[in-house]
């Protein structure tokens, strides 16, 4: 663990009850990281009792499988790691009992219940962070610094690309039964890989309008789209594209940004970022060859603990996550309509 915690944040780990909702892959990761950081009171909720019990035993926590009982026990902090279709209902239940919230990405599969959740969060003054682990990757953080410094001049175009073969995501389980493959649980690569849209949002802000194309190639035995292309236009004239898929047999995760004065490229595999400055004809390259990608999640938790302690503002508050969800849902709407779609203006609070 590399995260450094302020004493005020450490007190949350010492005193608060942290509830992890969902004992799947991401729930296990967060529970293990919380335990490693020093959390003393961990609760694990899952609809499958054996899964909750197994994770609770691993992290020396308490297992729950009755939702009403959990609510009656009033945890102080919850990390919602269930399938996306359950995020808003569970977050609403917890917000009503004044529980601070970390909600995994995507925030939801629709806007249903979002306004009610925003109202409850505002009413009780709750702290909220929505999952955005890539914002804590050192290469993307350096990318943002260079852009803020104007290293590329005027930014003209950006392209975010992701591809990975879905059967290899969680090789220990049948990918056809996971939420990624199922419409009823909110799966599909559009929302599943909201990371790429989030990266562009973090670097350039909200787009003005979007157009999308969603493909179902039939190469995988799944109900959901396995291929997405999206085009984004921004008020300042920037154009961007996003490509995501469940099909690529060679893991791909990268970003390219073109400007009037140079080119910037970032990749997650290998972990590196390069800046080419045209005027000087030079390239600056930073690399992290031994980077442990769990560090992103640890740093995200560190930030959340500091948000809880009032030491930092949430890097991705609820209002911003709602705006991002509106953007991605607009991509889906445009794909169905076959035309450009205006994106509602967000409230970043």
Protein backbone atom coordinates (compact mmCIF):
# COMPACT_ATOMS: atom_id res chain seq x y z
CA UNK A 1 0.00 0.00 0.00
CA UNK A 2 1.43 3.35 -1.07
CA UNK A 3 -1.38 5.68 -0.01
CA UNK A 4 -0.49 8.20 2.70
CA UNK A 5 -3.39 9.18 4.93
CA UNK A 6 -3.86 12.30 6.98
CA UNK A 7 -4.71 11.64 10.66
CA UNK A 8 -8.29 12.83 10.08
CA UNK A 9 -8.72 10.27 7.30
CA UNK A 10 -7.12 7.54 9.37
CA UNK A 11 -9.74 8.13 12.06
CA UNK A 12 -12.45 7.15 9.58
CA UNK A 13 -10.69 3.82 9.05
CA UNK A 14 -10.38 3.36 12.80
CA UNK A 15 -13.93 4.30 13.80
CA UNK A 16 -16.41 4.06 10.89
CA UNK A 17 -18.28 1.02 9.66
CA UNK A 18 -17.58 0.45 5.95
CA UNK A 19 -20.17 -1.57 4.07
CA UNK A 20 -19.15 -3.19 0.78
CA UNK A 21 -22.27 -3.91 -1.28
CA UNK A 22 -21.52 -6.78 -3.64
CA UNK A 23 -18.82 -9.41 -3.17
CA UNK A 24 -17.94 -9.81 -6.83
CA UNK A 25 -14.59 -8.94 -8.41
CA UNK A 26 -14.60 -5.19 -7.75
CA UNK A 27 -16.19 -5.58 -4.31
CA UNK A 28 -13.44 -8.00 -3.33
CA UNK A 29 -10.81 -5.56 -4.53
CA UNK A 30 -12.19 -2.66 -2.51
CA UNK A 31 -12.71 -4.79 0.60
CA UNK A 32 -9.14 -6.12 0.46
CA UNK A 33 -7.72 -2.64 -0.09
CA UNK A 34 -9.74 -1.20 2.79
CA UNK A 35 -8.49 -3.97 5.03
CA UNK A 36 -4.89 -3.40 3.93
CA UNK A 37 -5.25 0.33 4.62
CA UNK A 38 -6.37 -0.49 8.14
CA UNK A 39 -10.18 -0.47 8.19
CA UNK A 40 -11.33 -2.01 11.47
CA UNK A 41 -15.05 -2.42 10.82
CA UNK A 42 -15.88 -4.05 7.49
CA UNK A 43 -19.30 -5.34 6.55
CA UNK A 44 -19.92 -7.36 3.39
CA UNK A 45 -23.37 -7.59 1.82
CA UNK A 46 -24.24 -9.89 -1.06
CA UNK A 47 -27.42 -11.64 -2.15
CA UNK A 48 -25.40 -14.86 -2.25
CA UNK A 49 -24.70 -15.71 1.42
CA UNK A 50 -21.72 -17.96 0.69
CA UNK A 51 -20.02 -15.26 -1.35
CA UNK A 52 -20.55 -12.66 1.39
CA UNK A 53 -19.31 -15.06 4.05
CA UNK A 54 -16.18 -15.98 2.09
CA UNK A 55 -15.13 -12.36 1.60
CA UNK A 56 -16.04 -11.40 5.16
CA UNK A 57 -13.88 -14.21 6.48
CA UNK A 58 -10.99 -13.11 4.29
CA UNK A 59 -11.07 -9.49 5.50
CA UNK A 60 -12.13 -10.33 9.07
CA UNK A 61 -15.44 -8.57 8.61
CA UNK A 62 -19.12 -9.31 9.09
CA UNK A 63 -21.28 -10.93 6.41
CA UNK A 64 -24.84 -9.79 5.65
CA UNK A 65 -27.36 -11.12 3.18
CA UNK A 66 -30.58 -9.39 4.32
CA UNK A 67 -30.75 -5.86 2.91
CA UNK A 68 -33.26 -4.52 5.44
CA UNK A 69 -31.11 -5.75 8.30
CA UNK A 70 -28.12 -3.88 6.86
CA UNK A 71 -30.11 -0.65 6.64
CA UNK A 72 -31.37 -1.01 10.19
CA UNK A 73 -27.76 -1.36 11.37
CA UNK A 74 -26.84 2.06 9.85
CA UNK A 75 -23.33 1.77 8.35
CA UNK A 76 -21.54 5.12 8.15
CA UNK A 77 -19.94 4.54 4.72
CA UNK A 78 -20.91 2.28 1.82
CA UNK A 79 -19.09 1.19 -1.32
CA UNK A 80 -21.68 0.08 -3.88
CA UNK A 81 -20.12 -2.60 -6.06
CA UNK A 82 -23.20 -4.46 -7.25
CA UNK A 83 -24.31 -4.75 -10.91
CA UNK A 84 -25.11 -1.24 -12.29
CA UNK A 85 -28.87 -1.80 -12.46
CA UNK A 86 -28.93 -1.85 -8.63
CA UNK A 87 -26.70 1.17 -7.97
CA UNK A 88 -29.33 3.88 -7.68
CA UNK A 89 -31.91 1.91 -5.63
CA UNK A 90 -29.24 0.79 -3.18
CA UNK A 91 -27.64 4.24 -3.02
CA UNK A 92 -31.07 5.80 -2.35
CA UNK A 93 -31.76 3.41 0.51
CA UNK A 94 -28.39 4.19 2.05
CA UNK A 95 -28.60 7.94 1.48
CA UNK A 96 -31.92 8.02 3.34
CA UNK A 97 -30.16 6.68 6.45
CA UNK A 98 -27.36 9.25 5.96
CA UNK A 99 -24.65 6.89 4.73
CA UNK A 100 -21.75 8.42 2.76
CA UNK A 101 -21.34 6.82 -0.65
CA UNK A 102 -18.75 5.50 -3.01
CA UNK A 103 -20.58 4.23 -6.11
CA UNK A 104 -18.75 2.12 -8.66
CA UNK A 105 -18.92 3.02 -12.32
CA UNK A 106 -21.19 3.33 -14.19
CA UNK A 107 -23.44 5.36 -11.90
CA UNK A 108 -26.48 3.61 -13.36
CA UNK A 109 -28.02 2.27 -16.56
CA UNK A 110 -30.60 5.07 -16.83
CA UNK A 111 -31.52 8.37 -15.20
CA UNK A 112 -34.37 6.80 -13.22
CA UNK A 113 -34.05 7.71 -9.55
CA UNK A 114 -31.05 9.99 -10.10
CA UNK A 115 -32.84 13.21 -9.11
CA UNK A 116 -34.17 11.57 -5.96
CA UNK A 117 -30.65 10.45 -5.04
CA UNK A 118 -29.27 13.94 -5.66
CA UNK A 119 -31.97 15.38 -3.40
CA UNK A 120 -31.17 12.95 -0.57
CA UNK A 121 -27.43 13.59 -0.86
CA UNK A 122 -28.00 17.35 -0.73
CA UNK A 123 -30.51 17.09 2.13
CA UNK A 124 -28.12 15.20 4.37
CA UNK A 125 -24.86 16.79 3.18
CA UNK A 126 -23.43 13.42 2.22
CA UNK A 127 -20.00 12.86 0.71
CA UNK A 128 -20.09 11.04 -2.64
CA UNK A 129 -17.41 9.74 -4.96
CA UNK A 130 -18.29 7.84 -8.15
CA UNK A 131 -15.73 5.34 -9.43
CA UNK A 132 -13.01 6.80 -11.66
CA UNK A 133 -9.87 4.81 -10.95
CA UNK A 134 -8.11 5.79 -14.19
CA UNK A 135 -7.98 9.40 -12.97
CA UNK A 136 -5.41 8.13 -10.47
CA UNK A 137 -3.06 6.58 -13.04
CA UNK A 138 0.24 8.53 -13.03
CA UNK A 139 0.35 8.64 -16.83
CA UNK A 140 -3.08 10.22 -17.14
CA UNK A 141 -2.29 12.61 -14.30
CA UNK A 142 0.81 13.73 -16.20
CA UNK A 143 -1.29 14.03 -19.35
CA UNK A 144 -3.64 16.39 -17.55
CA UNK A 145 -0.75 18.49 -16.23
CA UNK A 146 0.74 18.87 -19.70
CA UNK A 147 -2.62 19.87 -21.14
CA UNK A 148 -3.17 22.41 -18.36
CA UNK A 149 0.27 23.85 -19.10
CA UNK A 150 -0.68 24.27 -22.77
CA UNK A 151 2.09 21.96 -23.97
CA UNK A 152 0.13 21.07 -27.15
CA UNK A 153 -1.02 24.57 -27.99
CA UNK A 154 -4.66 24.50 -29.06
CA UNK A 155 -6.04 20.99 -28.72
CA UNK A 156 -7.69 19.85 -31.96
CA UNK A 157 -8.54 16.17 -31.60
CA UNK A 158 -8.46 13.32 -29.09
CA UNK A 159 -9.03 9.60 -29.51
CA UNK A 160 -9.60 7.11 -26.68
CA UNK A 161 -9.40 3.40 -27.48
CA UNK A 162 -10.10 0.29 -25.44
CA UNK A 163 -10.36 -3.34 -26.47
CA UNK A 164 -10.21 -6.60 -24.54
CA UNK A 165 -11.56 -10.07 -25.17
CA UNK A 166 -14.47 -10.44 -22.75
CA UNK A 167 -13.87 -14.15 -21.95
CA UNK A 168 -10.46 -13.14 -20.57
CA UNK A 169 -11.73 -10.41 -18.20
CA UNK A 170 -12.65 -12.84 -15.43
CA UNK A 171 -11.28 -16.19 -16.62
CA UNK A 172 -12.33 -17.88 -13.38
CA UNK A 173 -16.04 -17.52 -14.26
CA UNK A 174 -18.37 -17.96 -17.25
CA UNK A 175 -18.38 -14.56 -18.97
CA UNK A 176 -21.81 -15.31 -20.46
CA UNK A 177 -23.36 -15.22 -16.98
CA UNK A 178 -21.69 -11.99 -15.83
CA UNK A 179 -23.39 -8.63 -15.92
CA UNK A 180 -21.33 -7.48 -18.92
CA UNK A 181 -23.17 -10.03 -21.07
CA UNK A 182 -26.67 -9.39 -19.71
CA UNK A 183 -29.13 -6.63 -20.60
CA UNK A 184 -31.12 -7.10 -17.40
CA UNK A 185 -28.08 -6.23 -15.26
CA UNK A 186 -27.05 -3.20 -17.33
CA UNK A 187 -24.18 -4.79 -19.24
CA UNK A 188 -22.68 -3.96 -22.62
CA UNK A 189 -19.38 -2.35 -23.50
CA UNK A 190 -20.86 1.17 -23.80
CA UNK A 191 -21.52 1.52 -20.06
CA UNK A 192 -19.03 -1.11 -18.96
CA UNK A 193 -16.17 0.92 -20.44
CA UNK A 194 -17.43 4.33 -19.43
CA UNK A 195 -13.76 4.87 -18.43
CA UNK A 196 -12.88 6.22 -21.87
CA UNK A 197 -15.69 8.79 -21.79
CA UNK A 198 -14.70 9.66 -18.23
CA UNK A 199 -11.09 10.26 -19.25
CA UNK A 200 -12.17 12.69 -21.96
CA UNK A 201 -14.54 14.42 -19.51
CA UNK A 202 -11.75 14.81 -16.94
CA UNK A 203 -9.36 16.25 -19.51
CA UNK A 204 -11.69 18.38 -21.63
CA UNK A 205 -15.02 18.75 -19.84
CA UNK A 206 -18.49 17.82 -21.11
CA UNK A 207 -19.17 17.51 -24.86
CA UNK A 208 -21.87 19.52 -26.56
CA UNK A 209 -23.22 16.80 -28.83
CA UNK A 210 -22.47 13.18 -29.66
CA UNK A 211 -23.14 10.53 -32.23
CA UNK A 212 -22.76 6.81 -31.69
CA UNK A 213 -22.79 3.43 -33.33
CA UNK A 214 -23.36 0.25 -31.30
CA UNK A 215 -22.51 -3.14 -32.75
CA UNK A 216 -23.44 -6.69 -31.84
CA UNK A 217 -21.12 -8.81 -33.94
CA UNK A 218 -22.32 -12.22 -32.75
CA UNK A 219 -18.75 -13.31 -32.11
CA UNK A 220 -19.57 -13.75 -28.42
CA UNK A 221 -22.55 -15.50 -26.89
CA UNK A 222 -23.89 -12.37 -25.18
CA UNK A 223 -27.04 -10.23 -25.34
CA UNK A 224 -25.33 -6.86 -25.18
CA UNK A 225 -23.35 -4.72 -27.61
CA UNK A 226 -19.72 -5.76 -27.98
CA UNK A 227 -18.47 -2.89 -30.14
CA UNK A 228 -18.95 0.90 -29.84
CA UNK A 229 -17.84 3.87 -31.88
CA UNK A 230 -18.66 7.38 -30.67
CA UNK A 231 -17.99 10.87 -31.95
CA UNK A 232 -17.95 13.86 -29.59
CA UNK A 233 -17.98 17.60 -30.30
CA UNK A 234 -17.06 20.22 -27.68
CA UNK A 235 -18.04 23.89 -27.41
CA UNK A 236 -14.40 25.01 -27.87
CA UNK A 237 -14.18 23.25 -31.25
CA UNK A 238 -12.41 20.12 -30.06
CA UNK A 239 -13.41 16.85 -31.74
CA UNK A 240 -12.95 13.45 -30.10
CA UNK A 241 -13.70 9.80 -30.82
CA UNK A 242 -14.10 6.78 -28.57
CA UNK A 243 -13.71 3.14 -29.56
CA UNK A 244 -14.47 0.33 -27.11
CA UNK A 245 -14.96 -3.38 -27.65
CA UNK A 246 -15.16 -6.80 -26.00
CA UNK A 247 -13.43 -8.41 -28.99
CA UNK A 248 -9.76 -7.46 -29.09
CA UNK A 249 -7.55 -10.52 -28.54
CA UNK A 250 -4.71 -8.20 -27.53
CA UNK A 251 -5.46 -5.84 -24.64
CA UNK A 252 -5.53 -2.23 -25.83
CA UNK A 253 -6.05 0.89 -23.73
CA UNK A 254 -4.64 4.18 -25.01
CA UNK A 255 -5.24 7.87 -25.63
CA UNK A 256 -3.92 10.17 -28.35
CA UNK A 257 -4.28 13.97 -28.30
CA UNK A 258 -3.34 16.20 -31.23
CA UNK A 259 -2.62 19.90 -30.85
CA UNK A 260 -1.31 22.76 -32.92
CA UNK A 261 2.10 22.43 -31.24
CA UNK A 262 2.51 18.70 -30.72
CA UNK A 263 1.16 15.24 -29.97
CA UNK A 264 0.53 13.50 -26.65
CA UNK A 265 0.02 9.74 -26.28
CA UNK A 266 -0.78 7.68 -23.19
CA UNK A 267 -1.10 3.94 -22.84
CA UNK A 268 -2.12 1.67 -20.00
CA UNK A 269 -0.24 -1.29 -21.41
CA UNK A 270 2.61 -0.53 -21.40
CA UNK A 271 2.27 2.14 -18.70
CA UNK A 272 3.75 5.20 -20.36
CA UNK A 273 3.06 8.69 -21.67
CA UNK A 274 4.90 10.64 -24.36
CA UNK A 275 4.83 14.28 -25.39
CA UNK A 276 6.19 15.34 -28.78
CA UNK A 277 6.91 19.08 -29.15
CA UNK A 278 7.02 19.99 -32.82
CA UNK A 279 8.89 23.29 -32.46
CA UNK A 280 11.87 21.65 -30.79
CA UNK A 281 11.50 18.31 -32.52
CA UNK A 282 11.88 16.55 -29.20
CA UNK A 283 9.97 13.85 -27.36
CA UNK A 284 9.58 13.47 -23.62
CA UNK A 285 8.71 9.96 -22.45
CA UNK A 286 7.76 8.83 -18.96
CA UNK A 287 7.25 5.15 -18.18
CA UNK A 288 6.26 3.01 -15.21
CA UNK A 289 7.42 -0.48 -16.22
CA UNK A 290 6.71 -2.05 -12.82
CA UNK A 291 3.45 -0.24 -12.15
CA UNK A 292 1.00 -2.16 -9.98
CA UNK A 293 -2.39 -1.21 -11.37
CA UNK A 294 -4.03 -1.89 -8.01
CA UNK A 295 -2.32 1.34 -6.96
CA UNK A 296 -5.02 3.28 -8.85
CA UNK A 297 -7.68 1.76 -6.64
CA UNK A 298 -5.67 2.36 -3.48
CA UNK A 299 -5.15 6.02 -4.39
CA UNK A 300 -8.85 6.33 -5.20
CA UNK A 301 -9.68 5.02 -1.71
CA UNK A 302 -7.13 7.37 -0.16
CA UNK A 303 -8.86 10.26 -1.92
CA UNK A 304 -12.29 9.06 -0.78
CA UNK A 305 -11.10 8.87 2.84
CA UNK A 306 -9.80 12.43 2.57
CA UNK A 307 -13.14 13.49 1.08
CA UNK A 308 -14.90 11.91 4.06
CA UNK A 309 -12.59 13.81 6.39
CA UNK A 310 -13.34 17.10 4.62
CA UNK A 311 -9.74 17.52 3.46
CA UNK A 312 -10.36 17.19 -0.30
CA UNK A 313 -13.23 17.86 -2.67
CA UNK A 314 -14.57 14.83 -4.51
CA UNK A 315 -12.77 14.46 -7.83
CA UNK A 316 -15.97 13.00 -9.29
CA UNK A 317 -19.04 14.14 -7.35
CA UNK A 318 -22.54 12.92 -8.02
CA UNK A 319 -23.53 15.79 -10.31
CA UNK A 320 -20.55 15.20 -12.58
CA UNK A 321 -21.28 11.48 -12.71
CA UNK A 322 -24.86 12.27 -13.71
CA UNK A 323 -23.58 14.47 -16.52
CA UNK A 324 -21.26 11.72 -17.71
CA UNK A 325 -24.11 9.21 -17.63
CA UNK A 326 -26.25 11.62 -19.67
CA UNK A 327 -23.44 11.83 -22.22
CA UNK A 328 -23.16 8.04 -22.60
CA UNK A 329 -26.93 7.58 -22.72
CA UNK A 330 -27.01 10.25 -25.44
CA UNK A 331 -24.53 8.13 -27.42
CA UNK A 332 -26.98 5.24 -27.18
CA UNK A 333 -29.92 7.46 -28.18
CA UNK A 334 -28.03 8.82 -31.18
CA UNK A 335 -27.15 5.29 -32.30
CA UNK A 336 -30.82 4.33 -32.21
CA UNK A 337 -31.91 7.52 -33.98
CA UNK A 338 -29.05 7.57 -36.50
CA UNK A 339 -28.23 11.23 -35.92
CA UNK A 340 -26.28 13.62 -33.71
CA UNK A 341 -27.67 14.06 -30.21
CA UNK A 342 -27.38 17.18 -28.04
CA UNK A 343 -26.12 16.45 -24.51
CA UNK A 344 -27.90 18.10 -21.55
CA UNK A 345 -25.70 20.54 -19.65
CA UNK A 346 -24.43 18.98 -16.40
CA UNK A 347 -24.49 20.13 -12.81
CA UNK A 348 -21.07 19.21 -11.42
CA UNK A 349 -22.02 19.48 -7.76
